[in-house]
Amino acid sequence: MIRQIQLFLGPARIRALMLLFAITGLISLMLNAIVNQYDWVRLAQSGLVLVFIVGAAIIVSGRMQKEERGRWVAILLPAIIAVAIALFIAPQYGAVLVGGALGWIVAALFLTRSPMPMEYKEAVKYLRKFEYAETIKVMDRVINADQKEPNHYRFRAEVYRVWGKLGPAVRDYTTMTKLAPDSPVAYNGLAEVYLQRGEFPQALEAAEKANQLAPNDWVTLYNLGMIEDRLNASEAVLEHLQKALALKVKDARHRVLIHFYLARAYSRLGQTDAAGEQVAAIKRLNRGLEEWQTILDDKQADTLRAVLGDDVQAAQALANGQLLPADLVAEE
């Protein structure tokens, strides 16, 4: 569980949480020295608790998808407001308001949760234990019972990818594109698997289709630029990855690789100064490199290491000064 939380949040957000806890806790402890001298001290300590709760919620929500973030805002915001009223406006009703806030959180978790078939829960159980064959057997039963649901094929394809069986993953994503031809997710997944197989022309075709369906999604642009990097299409890399950056990529680890591919594209084009600017950007994103190291050290990251391991190492070498942008081209 702790390992999963670390992977989800990443080193930077873990440090931010610890720093927030340390600061609010230290101030609260310092106030204990004068707690009996001033009436406002307990109120201030209560406020520090609220500051920590809100700050932690902001830090964690930054890693969530938009839809999931909206769900948690709907769950926590009424509870936080109720606690704030209990602390600062109507402390005489504190027990009632805090109890109501906790009750609302419990009820909202049940009311807003996405329904998950029992078979999915069983599949996830096997997946957590790295029992891929058993996971696939469960998903086979799910698909046999409902062959028209594209997300079933997506789930099974992701399991195949983690397992390293890329052929069946291509099959499932291809089926998904037929069932949901307007889904950029389906084509993105197909592009990523072709990339993992080293089949770059097929990967490019799928990535271009995904980008046509979602032209303002940084993920489709990121995948497209990464594939174009493999094909030495430097002008196209610059076009698509600069556009991805303009869409405000939040994840530091993805920004690291975007700047890395831009640096390599500029180097291929002989634009040394521009390549140097990208290396400077990589150096400012050390937490992104740390996140990649954490992810690539995981047991289930074999296929990811095969695709991105060398790029992450090269980006780290650029950040440490062990490589120069010109070396990226010289090694090809």
Protein backbone atom coordinates (compact mmCIF):
# COMPACT_ATOMS: atom_id res chain seq x y z
CA MET A 1 0.00 0.00 0.00
CA ILE A 2 2.77 2.45 0.96
CA ARG A 3 4.63 1.58 -2.25
CA GLN A 4 1.50 2.27 -4.31
CA ILE A 5 1.03 5.65 -2.62
CA GLN A 6 4.66 6.55 -3.33
CA LEU A 7 4.29 5.62 -6.99
CA PHE A 8 1.03 7.55 -7.28
CA LEU A 9 2.21 10.77 -5.63
CA GLY A 10 5.85 10.78 -6.67
CA PRO A 11 8.82 12.06 -4.61
CA ALA A 12 8.00 15.76 -5.01
CA ARG A 13 4.47 15.49 -3.63
CA ILE A 14 5.58 13.14 -0.85
CA ARG A 15 8.11 15.77 0.22
CA ALA A 16 5.49 18.51 -0.01
CA LEU A 17 3.14 16.53 2.24
CA MET A 18 5.87 15.92 4.78
CA LEU A 19 6.89 19.58 4.73
CA LEU A 20 3.29 20.73 5.18
CA PHE A 21 2.85 18.34 8.11
CA ALA A 22 6.13 19.45 9.68
CA ILE A 23 5.38 23.17 9.39
CA THR A 24 1.80 23.03 10.67
CA GLY A 25 2.76 20.56 13.42
CA LEU A 26 5.75 22.64 14.55
CA ILE A 27 3.72 25.84 14.74
CA SER A 28 1.01 24.04 16.69
CA LEU A 29 3.60 22.68 19.15
CA MET A 30 5.08 26.16 19.59
CA LEU A 31 1.63 27.53 20.37
CA ASN A 32 1.28 24.95 23.14
CA ALA A 33 3.70 27.07 25.17
CA ILE A 34 1.12 29.86 25.39
CA VAL A 35 -2.08 27.86 25.04
CA ASN A 36 -3.35 28.85 28.47
CA GLN A 37 -2.44 32.55 28.16
CA TYR A 38 -4.51 33.62 25.14
CA ASP A 39 -7.97 32.66 23.99
CA TRP A 40 -7.05 32.75 20.33
CA VAL A 41 -4.40 30.01 20.56
CA ARG A 42 -6.76 27.02 20.38
CA LEU A 43 -8.56 28.66 17.49
CA ALA A 44 -5.25 29.11 15.71
CA GLN A 45 -4.32 25.46 16.30
CA SER A 46 -7.66 24.38 14.89
CA GLY A 47 -6.97 26.57 11.88
CA LEU A 48 -3.61 24.84 11.37
CA VAL A 49 -5.39 21.48 11.26
CA LEU A 50 -7.71 22.86 8.60
CA VAL A 51 -4.73 24.28 6.66
CA PHE A 52 -3.09 20.84 6.66
CA ILE A 53 -6.28 19.10 5.49
CA VAL A 54 -6.84 21.57 2.65
CA GLY A 55 -3.15 21.59 1.67
CA ALA A 56 -2.96 17.80 1.63
CA ALA A 57 -6.11 17.65 -0.49
CA ILE A 58 -4.58 20.07 -3.01
CA ILE A 59 -1.30 18.14 -3.17
CA VAL A 60 -3.00 14.76 -3.68
CA SER A 61 -5.65 16.04 -6.11
CA GLY A 62 -2.94 17.41 -8.38
CA ARG A 63 -2.10 13.82 -9.36
CA MET A 64 -5.69 12.86 -10.16
CA GLN A 65 -7.48 12.90 -13.47
CA LYS A 66 -9.98 15.71 -13.95
CA GLU A 67 -13.04 13.49 -13.43
CA GLU A 68 -11.67 11.86 -10.27
CA ARG A 69 -10.60 15.25 -8.91
CA GLY A 70 -14.13 16.56 -9.39
CA ARG A 71 -15.51 13.57 -7.49
CA TRP A 72 -13.29 14.21 -4.50
CA VAL A 73 -14.04 17.94 -4.50
CA ALA A 74 -17.74 17.06 -4.30
CA ILE A 75 -17.00 14.70 -1.40
CA LEU A 76 -14.62 16.83 0.66
CA LEU A 77 -15.68 20.43 0.06
CA PRO A 78 -18.97 20.26 2.05
CA ALA A 79 -17.16 18.45 4.87
CA ILE A 80 -14.37 21.05 4.99
CA ILE A 81 -16.93 23.88 5.05
CA ALA A 82 -18.79 22.19 7.91
CA VAL A 83 -15.56 21.77 9.90
CA ALA A 84 -14.61 25.41 9.25
CA ILE A 85 -18.01 26.59 10.54
CA ALA A 86 -17.56 24.42 13.64
CA LEU A 87 -14.11 25.86 14.28
CA PHE A 88 -14.61 29.54 13.56
CA ILE A 89 -18.30 30.46 13.50
CA ALA A 90 -20.41 28.11 15.63
CA PRO A 91 -18.14 26.12 17.98
CA GLN A 92 -21.16 25.37 20.21
CA TYR A 93 -22.40 23.09 17.41
CA GLY A 94 -18.96 21.59 16.79
CA ALA A 95 -19.82 18.00 17.62
CA VAL A 96 -22.89 18.04 15.40
CA LEU A 97 -21.11 19.68 12.47
CA VAL A 98 -18.01 17.47 12.63
CA GLY A 99 -20.19 14.37 12.95
CA GLY A 100 -22.24 15.52 9.98
CA ALA A 101 -19.06 16.13 7.95
CA LEU A 102 -17.79 12.61 8.62
CA GLY A 103 -21.20 11.15 7.86
CA TRP A 104 -21.32 13.05 4.56
CA ILE A 105 -17.89 11.74 3.52
CA VAL A 106 -18.89 8.14 4.20
CA ALA A 107 -22.22 8.53 2.38
CA ALA A 108 -20.68 10.38 -0.57
CA LEU A 109 -18.04 7.70 -1.06
CA PHE A 110 -20.82 5.16 -1.58
CA LEU A 111 -23.01 7.47 -3.66
CA THR A 112 -20.29 8.56 -6.07
CA ARG A 113 -18.24 5.41 -6.46
CA SER A 114 -18.05 3.86 -9.90
CA PRO A 115 -19.67 0.45 -10.06
CA MET A 116 -17.15 -2.33 -10.62
CA PRO A 117 -18.24 -5.80 -11.62
CA MET A 118 -17.17 -8.54 -9.23
CA GLU A 119 -15.04 -10.04 -11.99
CA TYR A 120 -12.97 -6.85 -12.19
CA LYS A 121 -12.34 -6.97 -8.47
CA GLU A 122 -11.20 -10.56 -8.85
CA ALA A 123 -8.92 -9.60 -11.75
CA VAL A 124 -7.37 -6.74 -9.79
CA LYS A 125 -6.75 -9.10 -6.87
CA TYR A 126 -4.75 -11.45 -9.11
CA LEU A 127 -2.97 -8.52 -10.79
CA ARG A 128 -1.74 -7.17 -7.46
CA LYS A 129 -0.12 -10.54 -6.82
CA PHE A 130 1.47 -10.50 -10.32
CA GLU A 131 -0.60 -13.55 -11.30
CA TYR A 132 -1.09 -12.45 -14.89
CA ALA A 133 -2.36 -15.74 -16.31
CA GLU A 134 -5.15 -15.86 -13.73
CA THR A 135 -5.97 -12.20 -14.40
CA ILE A 136 -6.33 -12.92 -18.12
CA LYS A 137 -8.59 -15.92 -17.41
CA VAL A 138 -10.93 -13.68 -15.44
CA MET A 139 -10.99 -11.06 -18.21
CA ASP A 140 -11.61 -13.78 -20.81
CA ARG A 141 -14.80 -14.67 -18.92
CA VAL A 142 -15.79 -10.99 -18.73
CA ILE A 143 -15.31 -10.51 -22.47
CA ASN A 144 -17.09 -13.73 -23.40
CA ALA A 145 -20.09 -12.49 -21.43
CA ASP A 146 -20.03 -8.99 -22.99
CA GLN A 147 -18.12 -8.78 -26.25
CA LYS A 148 -19.29 -5.27 -27.19
CA GLU A 149 -17.79 -3.33 -24.26
CA PRO A 150 -14.53 -1.66 -25.42
CA ASN A 151 -13.21 -1.04 -21.90
CA HIS A 152 -13.04 -4.78 -21.24
CA TYR A 153 -10.54 -5.09 -24.09
CA ARG A 154 -8.61 -2.08 -22.82
CA PHE A 155 -8.21 -3.63 -19.37
CA ARG A 156 -7.06 -6.95 -20.81
CA ALA A 157 -4.67 -5.18 -23.18
CA GLU A 158 -3.07 -3.34 -20.26
CA VAL A 159 -2.60 -6.63 -18.42
CA TYR A 160 -0.96 -8.15 -21.49
CA ARG A 161 1.35 -5.14 -21.74
CA VAL A 162 2.48 -5.44 -18.13
CA TRP A 163 2.96 -9.16 -18.67
CA GLY A 164 5.11 -8.43 -21.74
CA LYS A 165 2.77 -10.17 -24.22
CA LEU A 166 2.49 -7.39 -26.77
CA GLY A 167 0.90 -9.38 -29.62
CA PRO A 168 -2.35 -10.04 -27.72
CA ALA A 169 -2.27 -6.43 -26.51
CA VAL A 170 -2.24 -5.23 -30.13
CA ARG A 171 -5.17 -7.54 -30.86
CA ASP A 172 -7.24 -6.18 -27.99
CA TYR A 173 -6.52 -2.53 -28.76
CA THR A 174 -7.35 -3.16 -32.43
CA THR A 175 -10.67 -4.65 -31.35
CA MET A 176 -11.24 -1.61 -29.16
CA THR A 177 -10.69 0.74 -32.12
CA LYS A 178 -13.39 -1.14 -34.02
CA LEU A 179 -15.86 -1.02 -31.14
CA ALA A 180 -15.07 2.62 -30.31
CA PRO A 181 -13.68 4.21 -33.51
CA ASP A 182 -13.98 7.71 -32.04
CA SER A 183 -11.92 6.88 -28.94
CA PRO A 184 -8.46 8.50 -28.82
CA VAL A 185 -7.69 6.23 -25.85
CA ALA A 186 -7.98 3.17 -28.06
CA TYR A 187 -5.63 4.54 -30.71
CA ASN A 188 -3.21 5.89 -28.09
CA GLY A 189 -2.99 2.45 -26.52
CA LEU A 190 -2.44 0.85 -29.91
CA ALA A 191 0.30 3.38 -30.72
CA GLU A 192 2.07 2.70 -27.42
CA VAL A 193 2.07 -1.07 -27.96
CA TYR A 194 3.39 -0.74 -31.51
CA LEU A 195 6.09 1.55 -30.11
CA GLN A 196 7.00 -1.08 -27.53
CA ARG A 197 7.27 -3.65 -30.35
CA GLY A 198 9.54 -1.32 -32.34
CA GLU A 199 7.01 -1.11 -35.18
CA PHE A 200 7.31 2.64 -35.63
CA PRO A 201 5.35 3.18 -38.88
CA GLN A 202 2.32 1.38 -37.41
CA ALA A 203 2.78 3.28 -34.16
CA LEU A 204 2.87 6.58 -36.06
CA GLU A 205 -0.33 5.77 -37.94
CA ALA A 206 -2.20 4.99 -34.71
CA ALA A 207 -0.77 8.04 -32.92
CA GLU A 208 -1.79 10.35 -35.76
CA LYS A 209 -5.33 8.96 -35.59
CA ALA A 210 -5.42 9.55 -31.83
CA ASN A 211 -4.23 13.11 -32.35
CA GLN A 212 -6.90 13.73 -34.99
CA LEU A 213 -9.55 12.62 -32.50
CA ALA A 214 -8.07 14.68 -29.63
CA PRO A 215 -5.90 17.44 -31.13
CA ASN A 216 -5.74 19.46 -27.90
CA ASP A 217 -4.81 16.58 -25.61
CA TRP A 218 -1.16 16.71 -24.53
CA VAL A 219 -1.08 12.91 -24.18
CA THR A 220 -1.76 12.32 -27.87
CA LEU A 221 0.81 14.98 -28.80
CA TYR A 222 3.37 13.49 -26.40
CA ASN A 223 2.98 10.00 -27.86
CA LEU A 224 3.10 11.37 -31.39
CA GLY A 225 6.29 13.33 -30.70
CA MET A 226 7.94 10.36 -28.99
CA ILE A 227 7.27 8.13 -32.01
CA GLU A 228 8.45 10.83 -34.44
CA ASP A 229 11.66 11.03 -32.40
CA ARG A 230 12.26 7.33 -33.17
CA LEU A 231 11.73 8.08 -36.86
CA ASN A 232 14.15 11.06 -36.82
CA ALA A 233 11.30 13.35 -37.92
CA SER A 234 12.78 16.31 -36.05
CA GLU A 235 10.59 19.08 -37.46
CA ALA A 236 7.46 17.13 -36.55
CA VAL A 237 8.87 16.45 -33.05
CA LEU A 238 9.32 20.18 -32.50
CA GLU A 239 5.83 20.98 -33.75
CA HIS A 240 3.96 18.45 -31.65
CA LEU A 241 5.97 18.57 -28.44
CA GLN A 242 6.06 22.36 -28.29
CA LYS A 243 2.29 22.27 -28.64
CA ALA A 244 2.11 19.69 -25.85
CA LEU A 245 4.11 21.97 -23.54
CA ALA A 246 1.79 24.86 -24.38
CA LEU A 247 -1.09 22.74 -23.05
CA LYS A 248 0.54 22.76 -19.57
CA VAL A 249 1.73 19.21 -18.93
CA LYS A 250 1.42 18.82 -15.16
CA ASP A 251 3.52 15.70 -14.64
CA ALA A 252 7.18 16.57 -14.14
CA ARG A 253 8.31 13.18 -15.43
CA HIS A 254 6.55 13.68 -18.76
CA ARG A 255 7.92 17.21 -19.09
CA VAL A 256 11.42 15.79 -18.59
CA LEU A 257 11.07 13.48 -21.59
CA ILE A 258 9.40 16.16 -23.70
CA HIS A 259 12.41 18.42 -23.15
CA PHE A 260 14.71 15.47 -23.82
CA TYR A 261 13.12 14.72 -27.19
CA LEU A 262 13.13 18.42 -28.04
CA ALA A 263 16.83 18.60 -27.17
CA ARG A 264 17.56 15.65 -29.45
CA ALA A 265 15.48 17.14 -32.28
CA TYR A 266 17.25 20.50 -32.04
CA SER A 267 20.62 18.70 -31.96
CA ARG A 268 19.74 16.75 -35.10
CA LEU A 269 18.87 20.04 -36.79
CA GLY A 270 22.14 21.64 -35.67
CA GLN A 271 20.40 24.19 -33.43
CA THR A 272 22.85 24.02 -30.53
CA ASP A 273 21.56 26.96 -28.49
CA ALA A 274 17.96 25.73 -28.62
CA ALA A 275 19.10 22.24 -27.58
CA GLY A 276 20.98 23.78 -24.65
CA GLU A 277 17.80 25.53 -23.50
CA GLN A 278 16.03 22.18 -23.37
CA VAL A 279 18.85 20.67 -21.31
CA ALA A 280 18.55 23.59 -18.88
CA ALA A 281 14.83 22.80 -18.56
CA ILE A 282 15.67 19.15 -17.79
CA LYS A 283 18.03 20.25 -15.00
CA ARG A 284 15.19 22.21 -13.39
CA LEU A 285 13.01 19.08 -13.32
CA ASN A 286 15.07 16.85 -11.05
CA ARG A 287 11.92 15.62 -9.30
CA GLY A 288 10.66 14.29 -12.65
CA LEU A 289 13.85 12.24 -13.04
CA GLU A 290 13.37 10.93 -9.49
CA GLU A 291 9.82 9.88 -10.32
CA TRP A 292 11.01 7.99 -13.39
CA GLN A 293 13.64 6.19 -11.32
CA THR A 294 11.00 5.13 -8.79
CA ILE A 295 8.67 3.89 -11.52
CA LEU A 296 11.33 2.05 -13.53
CA ASP A 297 12.58 0.26 -10.41
CA ASP A 298 9.16 -1.37 -9.96
CA LYS A 299 8.70 -5.09 -10.69
CA GLN A 300 6.01 -4.46 -13.27
CA ALA A 301 8.03 -1.95 -15.30
CA ASP A 302 9.90 -4.36 -17.59
CA THR A 303 8.14 -3.29 -20.78
CA LEU A 304 8.34 0.38 -19.80
CA ARG A 305 12.06 0.08 -19.14
CA ALA A 306 12.53 -1.47 -22.57
CA VAL A 307 10.94 1.56 -24.25
CA LEU A 308 11.98 4.48 -22.05
CA GLY A 309 14.88 3.23 -19.93
CA ASP A 310 17.62 4.50 -22.26
CA ASP A 311 15.86 7.87 -22.72
CA VAL A 312 15.56 8.39 -18.97
CA GLN A 313 19.23 7.48 -18.45
CA ALA A 314 20.29 9.87 -21.21
CA ALA A 315 18.16 12.65 -19.75
CA GLN A 316 19.77 12.03 -16.34
CA ALA A 317 23.22 12.14 -17.95
CA LEU A 318 22.36 15.47 -19.60
CA ALA A 319 21.19 16.85 -16.26
CA ASN A 320 24.44 15.70 -14.58
CA GLY A 321 26.64 17.09 -17.33
CA GLN A 322 27.86 13.64 -18.33
CA LEU A 323 26.40 14.11 -21.82
CA LEU A 324 26.15 17.12 -24.10
CA PRO A 325 23.28 17.65 -26.57
CA ALA A 326 25.66 16.91 -29.47
CA ASP A 327 26.37 13.50 -27.93
CA LEU A 328 22.73 12.51 -28.46
CA VAL A 329 23.24 12.70 -32.22
CA ALA A 330 26.77 11.26 -32.18
CA GLU A 331 25.45 8.07 -30.52
CA GLU A 332 22.94 7.37 -33.30
